[in-house]
Amino acid sequence: MINDDFFNQVYEVVKLIPAGRITSYGAIARYLGTARSARMVGWAMNSCHSQPEYIPAHRVVNRNGLLTGKHFFGGENVMQELLESEGLIIENDQILNFKMRFWDPTLELEFN
């Protein structure tokens, strides 16, 4: 698959998101130098469940803190439950205090 390398780069970033923190599709895309590929990051998240290693995809949300990928977690509330188990508060599919919990890989990581 042509996207394998990009998807793997996305997975490596997502594995570094600390528990209790979240990031956005766009933030990952910007970190990887492909700022216009947030949708492609979303596709990577949708495909990550088939990876042999656990990818904490529940920590990646849209730029407004909405749980837009929740239907890919095998149940209506699984994504929300995973985030709540890490201390995040969600109301109406949106993370409260999103900016306080936001993890920006561009600021947190050095680009390899």
C-alpha atoms as a PDB file:
ATOM      1  CA  MET A   1       0.000   0.000   0.000  1.00  0.00           C
ATOM      2  CA  ILE A   2       1.331   3.414  -0.971  1.00  0.00           C
ATOM      3  CA  ASN A   3       0.385   4.975   2.397  1.00  0.00           C
ATOM      4  CA  ASP A   4       2.251   2.455   4.558  1.00  0.00           C
ATOM      5  CA  ASP A   5       5.246   4.705   5.247  1.00  0.00           C
ATOM      6  CA  PHE A   6       3.092   7.732   6.103  1.00  0.00           C
ATOM      7  CA  PHE A   7       0.755   5.642   8.261  1.00  0.00           C
ATOM      8  CA  ASN A   8       3.737   4.173  10.126  1.00  0.00           C
ATOM      9  CA  GLN A   9       5.092   7.678  10.768  1.00  0.00           C
ATOM     10  CA  VAL A  10       1.698   8.664  12.153  1.00  0.00           C
ATOM     11  CA  TYR A  11       1.614   5.586  14.401  1.00  0.00           C
ATOM     12  CA  GLU A  12       5.059   6.372  15.792  1.00  0.00           C
ATOM     13  CA  VAL A  13       3.890   9.861  16.796  1.00  0.00           C
ATOM     14  CA  VAL A  14       0.623   8.600  18.278  1.00  0.00           C
ATOM     15  CA  LYS A  15       2.473   6.053  20.426  1.00  0.00           C
ATOM     16  CA  LEU A  16       4.285   8.999  22.075  1.00  0.00           C
ATOM     17  CA  ILE A  17       1.150  10.847  23.221  1.00  0.00           C
ATOM     18  CA  PRO A  18       1.153  10.645  27.014  1.00  0.00           C
ATOM     19  CA  ALA A  19      -1.851   9.182  28.813  1.00  0.00           C
ATOM     20  CA  GLY A  20      -4.275  11.921  29.787  1.00  0.00           C
ATOM     21  CA  ARG A  21      -3.280  14.130  26.855  1.00  0.00           C
ATOM     22  CA  ILE A  22      -4.776  14.471  23.377  1.00  0.00           C
ATOM     23  CA  THR A  23      -3.712  15.848  20.039  1.00  0.00           C
ATOM     24  CA  SER A  24      -5.373  16.529  16.700  1.00  0.00           C
ATOM     25  CA  TYR A  25      -5.098  15.058  13.241  1.00  0.00           C
ATOM     26  CA  GLY A  26      -3.784  18.396  12.008  1.00  0.00           C
ATOM     27  CA  ALA A  27      -1.113  18.689  14.704  1.00  0.00           C
ATOM     28  CA  ILE A  28       0.283  15.298  13.695  1.00  0.00           C
ATOM     29  CA  ALA A  29       0.192  16.264  10.020  1.00  0.00           C
ATOM     30  CA  ARG A  30       2.049  19.526  10.743  1.00  0.00           C
ATOM     31  CA  TYR A  31       4.665  17.683  12.794  1.00  0.00           C
ATOM     32  CA  LEU A  32       5.271  15.289   9.902  1.00  0.00           C
ATOM     33  CA  GLY A  33       5.697  18.223   7.503  1.00  0.00           C
ATOM     34  CA  THR A  34       2.460  17.526   5.659  1.00  0.00           C
ATOM     35  CA  ALA A  35       0.176  20.199   7.100  1.00  0.00           C
ATOM     36  CA  ARG A  36      -2.577  19.613   4.552  1.00  0.00           C
ATOM     37  CA  SER A  37      -2.883  15.898   5.254  1.00  0.00           C
ATOM     38  CA  ALA A  38      -4.979  15.881   8.443  1.00  0.00           C
ATOM     39  CA  ARG A  39      -7.555  13.719   6.668  1.00  0.00           C
ATOM     40  CA  MET A  40      -4.837  11.203   5.814  1.00  0.00           C
ATOM     41  CA  VAL A  41      -3.886  11.094   9.519  1.00  0.00           C
ATOM     42  CA  GLY A  42      -7.535  10.269  10.189  1.00  0.00           C
ATOM     43  CA  TRP A  43      -7.384   7.417   7.687  1.00  0.00           C
ATOM     44  CA  ALA A  44      -4.278   6.129   9.459  1.00  0.00           C
ATOM     45  CA  MET A  45      -6.164   6.204  12.761  1.00  0.00           C
ATOM     46  CA  ASN A  46      -9.076   4.330  11.200  1.00  0.00           C
ATOM     47  CA  SER A  47      -6.664   1.620  10.000  1.00  0.00           C
ATOM     48  CA  CYS A  48      -4.532   1.340  13.124  1.00  0.00           C
ATOM     49  CA  HIS A  49      -6.681  -1.304  14.793  1.00  0.00           C
ATOM     50  CA  SER A  50      -5.165  -3.894  12.468  1.00  0.00           C
ATOM     51  CA  GLN A  51      -1.620  -3.131  13.658  1.00  0.00           C
ATOM     52  CA  PRO A  52       0.189  -5.764  15.736  1.00  0.00           C
ATOM     53  CA  GLU A  53       1.274  -3.125  18.276  1.00  0.00           C
ATOM     54  CA  TYR A  54      -1.250  -1.088  20.279  1.00  0.00           C
ATOM     55  CA  ILE A  55      -1.775   2.423  18.915  1.00  0.00           C
ATOM     56  CA  PRO A  56      -3.614   4.754  21.354  1.00  0.00           C
ATOM     57  CA  ALA A  57      -5.786   6.233  18.610  1.00  0.00           C
ATOM     58  CA  HIS A  58      -8.353   7.419  21.165  1.00  0.00           C
ATOM     59  CA  ARG A  59      -5.937  10.261  21.994  1.00  0.00           C
ATOM     60  CA  VAL A  60      -6.333  11.792  18.514  1.00  0.00           C
ATOM     61  CA  VAL A  61      -9.355  14.015  17.965  1.00  0.00           C
ATOM     62  CA  ASN A  62     -10.349  16.833  15.663  1.00  0.00           C
ATOM     63  CA  ARG A  63      -9.057  20.403  16.059  1.00  0.00           C
ATOM     64  CA  ASN A  64     -12.009  21.346  18.259  1.00  0.00           C
ATOM     65  CA  GLY A  65     -11.682  18.404  20.628  1.00  0.00           C
ATOM     66  CA  LEU A  66     -14.564  16.457  19.116  1.00  0.00           C
ATOM     67  CA  LEU A  67     -14.489  12.651  19.174  1.00  0.00           C
ATOM     68  CA  THR A  68     -14.987  12.402  15.425  1.00  0.00           C
ATOM     69  CA  GLY A  69     -13.468   8.932  15.088  1.00  0.00           C
ATOM     70  CA  LYS A  70     -15.502   7.312  17.866  1.00  0.00           C
ATOM     71  CA  HIS A  71     -17.358   4.916  15.557  1.00  0.00           C
ATOM     72  CA  PHE A  72     -14.079   3.107  14.764  1.00  0.00           C
ATOM     73  CA  PHE A  73     -13.649   1.828  18.333  1.00  0.00           C
ATOM     74  CA  GLY A  74     -16.137  -1.037  18.235  1.00  0.00           C
ATOM     75  CA  GLY A  75     -18.814   0.588  20.362  1.00  0.00           C
ATOM     76  CA  GLU A  76     -20.685   3.861  20.744  1.00  0.00           C
ATOM     77  CA  ASN A  77     -18.835   5.003  23.880  1.00  0.00           C
ATOM     78  CA  VAL A  78     -15.526   3.115  23.787  1.00  0.00           C
ATOM     79  CA  MET A  79     -13.414   6.115  22.750  1.00  0.00           C
ATOM     80  CA  GLN A  80     -15.034   8.294  25.412  1.00  0.00           C
ATOM     81  CA  GLU A  81     -14.552   5.620  28.071  1.00  0.00           C
ATOM     82  CA  LEU A  82     -10.868   5.253  27.183  1.00  0.00           C
ATOM     83  CA  LEU A  83     -10.326   9.002  27.453  1.00  0.00           C
ATOM     84  CA  GLU A  84     -12.283   9.246  30.696  1.00  0.00           C
ATOM     85  CA  SER A  85     -10.206   6.418  32.165  1.00  0.00           C
ATOM     86  CA  GLU A  86      -7.201   8.713  31.586  1.00  0.00           C
ATOM     87  CA  GLY A  87      -8.836  11.611  33.425  1.00  0.00           C
ATOM     88  CA  LEU A  88     -10.329  13.581  30.533  1.00  0.00           C
ATOM     89  CA  ILE A  89     -13.850  14.958  30.824  1.00  0.00           C
ATOM     90  CA  ILE A  90     -16.135  14.649  27.809  1.00  0.00           C
ATOM     91  CA  GLU A  91     -19.529  16.250  27.291  1.00  0.00           C
ATOM     92  CA  ASN A  92     -21.549  15.817  24.109  1.00  0.00           C
ATOM     93  CA  ASP A  93     -18.628  14.074  22.365  1.00  0.00           C
ATOM     94  CA  GLN A  94     -16.290  17.014  23.085  1.00  0.00           C
ATOM     95  CA  ILE A  95     -13.291  17.165  25.430  1.00  0.00           C
ATOM     96  CA  LEU A  96     -13.602  19.843  28.093  1.00  0.00           C
ATOM     97  CA  ASN A  97     -10.430  21.803  28.809  1.00  0.00           C
ATOM     98  CA  PHE A  98      -9.196  20.730  25.397  1.00  0.00           C
ATOM     99  CA  LYS A  99      -6.513  23.428  25.212  1.00  0.00           C
ATOM    100  CA  MET A 100      -5.154  22.542  28.649  1.00  0.00           C
ATOM    101  CA  ARG A 101      -4.854  18.848  27.722  1.00  0.00           C
ATOM    102  CA  PHE A 102      -3.596  19.415  24.174  1.00  0.00           C
ATOM    103  CA  TRP A 103      -0.261  17.787  23.301  1.00  0.00           C
ATOM    104  CA  ASP A 104       1.456  19.404  20.314  1.00  0.00           C
ATOM    105  CA  PRO A 105       4.095  17.079  18.870  1.00  0.00           C
ATOM    106  CA  THR A 106       5.819  20.030  17.196  1.00  0.00           C
ATOM    107  CA  LEU A 107       6.511  21.521  20.635  1.00  0.00           C
ATOM    108  CA  GLU A 108       6.983  18.266  22.552  1.00  0.00           C
ATOM    109  CA  LEU A 109       9.159  16.290  20.146  1.00  0.00           C
ATOM    110  CA  GLU A 110      12.238  16.881  18.078  1.00  0.00           C
ATOM    111  CA  PHE A 111      11.706  15.973  14.442  1.00  0.00           C
ATOM    112  CA  ASN A 112      13.775  12.969  13.425  1.00  0.00           C
END
